[in-house]
Amino acid sequence: MGISPENTVRYKSKRFAIRITHLYLFLKDEKKEYILSSQIFRSGTSIGANVVEAECGFSRKDFLAKMQIAFKECAETIYWLELLFEGANLLTENQYKSLLADCEELQRMLSSITKSTRESIE
């Protein structure tokens, strides 16, 4: 029976990138916020871009390097979410918690992938 596409890191990172794109447009158009919105847009969409690049890796080490970058981009995105919520009060608590939960789920998935890949290389 296999894993359904909806449970893959590629699918979830793309869905998250779409959410981040909508957040970026909301912050820019509705809140007139341009700096933090650009930062979270870059890091939040970079997660999926690095996952896709990893899938095209030339070696297991190349795959691992891209997945580690995606993991780091999750951490950076969490930081920007915290600033948008706690520092700038630009997100509601519900918006913050929902986006944070999705990003933390991706980070857990990426952590598992990088750990198992690292172990298979060593």
C-alpha atoms as a PDB file:
ATOM      1  CA  MET A   1       0.000   0.000   0.000  1.00  0.00           C
ATOM      2  CA  GLY A   2       2.633   2.819   0.070  1.00  0.00           C
ATOM      3  CA  ILE A   3       2.558   6.383   1.266  1.00  0.00           C
ATOM      4  CA  SER A   4      -0.096   8.631  -0.210  1.00  0.00           C
ATOM      5  CA  PRO A   5       1.247  11.764  -1.931  1.00  0.00           C
ATOM      6  CA  GLU A   6      -0.491  13.936   0.692  1.00  0.00           C
ATOM      7  CA  ASN A   7       1.844  12.530   3.352  1.00  0.00           C
ATOM      8  CA  THR A   8       5.110  13.276   1.601  1.00  0.00           C
ATOM      9  CA  VAL A   9       7.472  16.075   2.500  1.00  0.00           C
ATOM     10  CA  ARG A  10       7.313  17.303  -1.103  1.00  0.00           C
ATOM     11  CA  TYR A  11       3.519  17.661  -1.011  1.00  0.00           C
ATOM     12  CA  LYS A  12       3.459  19.254   2.440  1.00  0.00           C
ATOM     13  CA  SER A  13       6.270  21.678   1.642  1.00  0.00           C
ATOM     14  CA  LYS A  14       4.452  22.792  -1.522  1.00  0.00           C
ATOM     15  CA  ARG A  15       1.166  23.275   0.374  1.00  0.00           C
ATOM     16  CA  PHE A  16       3.110  25.268   2.987  1.00  0.00           C
ATOM     17  CA  ALA A  17       4.723  27.417   0.280  1.00  0.00           C
ATOM     18  CA  ILE A  18       1.269  28.223  -1.051  1.00  0.00           C
ATOM     19  CA  ARG A  19       0.134  29.256   2.438  1.00  0.00           C
ATOM     20  CA  ILE A  20       3.247  31.404   2.846  1.00  0.00           C
ATOM     21  CA  THR A  21       2.589  33.020  -0.541  1.00  0.00           C
ATOM     22  CA  HIS A  22      -0.932  33.932   0.577  1.00  0.00           C
ATOM     23  CA  LEU A  23       0.476  35.274   3.853  1.00  0.00           C
ATOM     24  CA  TYR A  24       3.021  37.357   1.943  1.00  0.00           C
ATOM     25  CA  LEU A  25       0.320  38.857  -0.268  1.00  0.00           C
ATOM     26  CA  PHE A  26      -1.897  39.563   2.757  1.00  0.00           C
ATOM     27  CA  LEU A  27       0.918  41.260   4.679  1.00  0.00           C
ATOM     28  CA  LYS A  28       2.005  43.303   1.683  1.00  0.00           C
ATOM     29  CA  ASP A  29      -1.432  44.326   0.426  1.00  0.00           C
ATOM     30  CA  GLU A  30      -3.501  44.540   3.616  1.00  0.00           C
ATOM     31  CA  LYS A  31      -0.947  45.372   6.297  1.00  0.00           C
ATOM     32  CA  LYS A  32       1.470  47.347   4.086  1.00  0.00           C
ATOM     33  CA  GLU A  33       4.366  45.378   5.565  1.00  0.00           C
ATOM     34  CA  TYR A  34       7.188  44.801   3.114  1.00  0.00           C
ATOM     35  CA  ILE A  35      10.344  43.778   4.983  1.00  0.00           C
ATOM     36  CA  LEU A  36       9.263  40.876   7.202  1.00  0.00           C
ATOM     37  CA  SER A  37       6.829  39.658   4.565  1.00  0.00           C
ATOM     38  CA  SER A  38       9.654  39.377   2.048  1.00  0.00           C
ATOM     39  CA  GLN A  39      11.835  37.523   4.526  1.00  0.00           C
ATOM     40  CA  ILE A  40       9.190  34.921   5.382  1.00  0.00           C
ATOM     41  CA  PHE A  41       8.274  34.562   1.720  1.00  0.00           C
ATOM     42  CA  ARG A  42      11.882  33.699   0.841  1.00  0.00           C
ATOM     43  CA  SER A  43      12.471  31.225   3.660  1.00  0.00           C
ATOM     44  CA  GLY A  44       8.997  29.661   3.583  1.00  0.00           C
ATOM     45  CA  THR A  45       9.050  28.948  -0.137  1.00  0.00           C
ATOM     46  CA  SER A  46      12.689  27.855  -0.061  1.00  0.00           C
ATOM     47  CA  ILE A  47      11.781  24.786   2.000  1.00  0.00           C
ATOM     48  CA  GLY A  48       9.940  23.118  -0.865  1.00  0.00           C
ATOM     49  CA  ALA A  49      12.394  24.343  -3.478  1.00  0.00           C
ATOM     50  CA  ASN A  50      15.223  22.596  -1.623  1.00  0.00           C
ATOM     51  CA  VAL A  51      13.158  19.420  -1.231  1.00  0.00           C
ATOM     52  CA  VAL A  52      12.604  19.327  -5.000  1.00  0.00           C
ATOM     53  CA  GLU A  53      16.305  19.960  -5.601  1.00  0.00           C
ATOM     54  CA  ALA A  54      17.166  17.155  -3.186  1.00  0.00           C
ATOM     55  CA  GLU A  55      15.040  14.741  -5.191  1.00  0.00           C
ATOM     56  CA  CYS A  56      17.216  15.540  -8.191  1.00  0.00           C
ATOM     57  CA  GLY A  57      20.446  15.140  -6.250  1.00  0.00           C
ATOM     58  CA  PHE A  58      23.368  13.454  -7.956  1.00  0.00           C
ATOM     59  CA  SER A  59      24.329  11.514  -4.846  1.00  0.00           C
ATOM     60  CA  ARG A  60      23.102  10.673  -1.355  1.00  0.00           C
ATOM     61  CA  LYS A  61      25.393  13.413  -0.013  1.00  0.00           C
ATOM     62  CA  ASP A  62      23.877  15.933  -2.421  1.00  0.00           C
ATOM     63  CA  PHE A  63      20.385  14.799  -1.363  1.00  0.00           C
ATOM     64  CA  LEU A  64      21.346  15.164   2.303  1.00  0.00           C
ATOM     65  CA  ALA A  65      22.831  18.636   1.818  1.00  0.00           C
ATOM     66  CA  LYS A  66      19.634  19.964   0.202  1.00  0.00           C
ATOM     67  CA  MET A  67      17.406  18.375   2.841  1.00  0.00           C
ATOM     68  CA  GLN A  68      19.555  19.961   5.554  1.00  0.00           C
ATOM     69  CA  ILE A  69      19.113  23.357   3.882  1.00  0.00           C
ATOM     70  CA  ALA A  70      15.339  22.785   3.808  1.00  0.00           C
ATOM     71  CA  PHE A  71      15.485  21.970   7.543  1.00  0.00           C
ATOM     72  CA  LYS A  72      17.369  25.216   8.219  1.00  0.00           C
ATOM     73  CA  GLU A  73      14.855  27.179   6.160  1.00  0.00           C
ATOM     74  CA  CYS A  74      12.122  25.791   8.443  1.00  0.00           C
ATOM     75  CA  ALA A  75      13.977  27.137  11.465  1.00  0.00           C
ATOM     76  CA  GLU A  76      14.327  30.530   9.808  1.00  0.00           C
ATOM     77  CA  THR A  77      10.640  30.563   8.868  1.00  0.00           C
ATOM     78  CA  ILE A  78       9.688  29.841  12.485  1.00  0.00           C
ATOM     79  CA  TYR A  79      11.790  32.824  13.527  1.00  0.00           C
ATOM     80  CA  TRP A  80       9.963  35.130  11.076  1.00  0.00           C
ATOM     81  CA  LEU A  81       6.599  33.786  12.233  1.00  0.00           C
ATOM     82  CA  GLU A  82       7.551  34.597  15.814  1.00  0.00           C
ATOM     83  CA  LEU A  83       8.536  38.137  14.842  1.00  0.00           C
ATOM     84  CA  LEU A  84       5.347  38.668  12.875  1.00  0.00           C
ATOM     85  CA  PHE A  85       3.243  37.460  15.789  1.00  0.00           C
ATOM     86  CA  GLU A  86       5.106  38.516  18.933  1.00  0.00           C
ATOM     87  CA  GLY A  87       7.079  41.489  17.688  1.00  0.00           C
ATOM     88  CA  ALA A  88       4.949  43.179  15.075  1.00  0.00           C
ATOM     89  CA  ASN A  89       1.476  41.883  16.016  1.00  0.00           C
ATOM     90  CA  LEU A  90       0.721  41.285  12.340  1.00  0.00           C
ATOM     91  CA  LEU A  91      -0.690  37.777  12.792  1.00  0.00           C
ATOM     92  CA  THR A  92      -3.621  36.629  14.879  1.00  0.00           C
ATOM     93  CA  GLU A  93      -2.948  33.871  17.369  1.00  0.00           C
ATOM     94  CA  ASN A  94      -4.871  31.410  15.175  1.00  0.00           C
ATOM     95  CA  GLN A  95      -2.876  32.353  12.069  1.00  0.00           C
ATOM     96  CA  TYR A  96       0.382  32.045  13.983  1.00  0.00           C
ATOM     97  CA  LYS A  97      -0.437  28.687  15.578  1.00  0.00           C
ATOM     98  CA  SER A  98      -1.676  27.184  12.319  1.00  0.00           C
ATOM     99  CA  LEU A  99       1.368  28.245  10.286  1.00  0.00           C
ATOM    100  CA  LEU A 100       3.710  27.294  13.118  1.00  0.00           C
ATOM    101  CA  ALA A 101       2.172  23.812  13.380  1.00  0.00           C
ATOM    102  CA  ASP A 102       2.623  23.229   9.645  1.00  0.00           C
ATOM    103  CA  CYS A 103       6.216  24.453   9.710  1.00  0.00           C
ATOM    104  CA  GLU A 104       7.092  22.365  12.763  1.00  0.00           C
ATOM    105  CA  GLU A 105       5.579  19.284  11.098  1.00  0.00           C
ATOM    106  CA  LEU A 106       7.796  19.886   8.068  1.00  0.00           C
ATOM    107  CA  GLN A 107      10.800  20.359  10.332  1.00  0.00           C
ATOM    108  CA  ARG A 108      10.112  17.029  12.072  1.00  0.00           C
ATOM    109  CA  MET A 109       9.783  15.274   8.714  1.00  0.00           C
ATOM    110  CA  LEU A 110      13.000  16.830   7.447  1.00  0.00           C
ATOM    111  CA  SER A 111      14.800  15.959  10.669  1.00  0.00           C
ATOM    112  CA  SER A 112      13.801  12.323  10.265  1.00  0.00           C
ATOM    113  CA  ILE A 113      14.832  12.289   6.598  1.00  0.00           C
ATOM    114  CA  THR A 114      18.219  13.888   7.274  1.00  0.00           C
ATOM    115  CA  LYS A 115      18.901  11.583  10.227  1.00  0.00           C
ATOM    116  CA  SER A 116      18.108   8.389   8.313  1.00  0.00           C
ATOM    117  CA  THR A 117      20.008   9.593   5.231  1.00  0.00           C
ATOM    118  CA  ARG A 118      23.054  10.530   7.319  1.00  0.00           C
ATOM    119  CA  GLU A 119      22.983   7.076   8.960  1.00  0.00           C
ATOM    120  CA  SER A 120      22.748   5.330   5.575  1.00  0.00           C
ATOM    121  CA  ILE A 121      25.793   7.231   4.318  1.00  0.00           C
ATOM    122  CA  GLU A 122      28.010   6.523   7.330  1.00  0.00           C
END
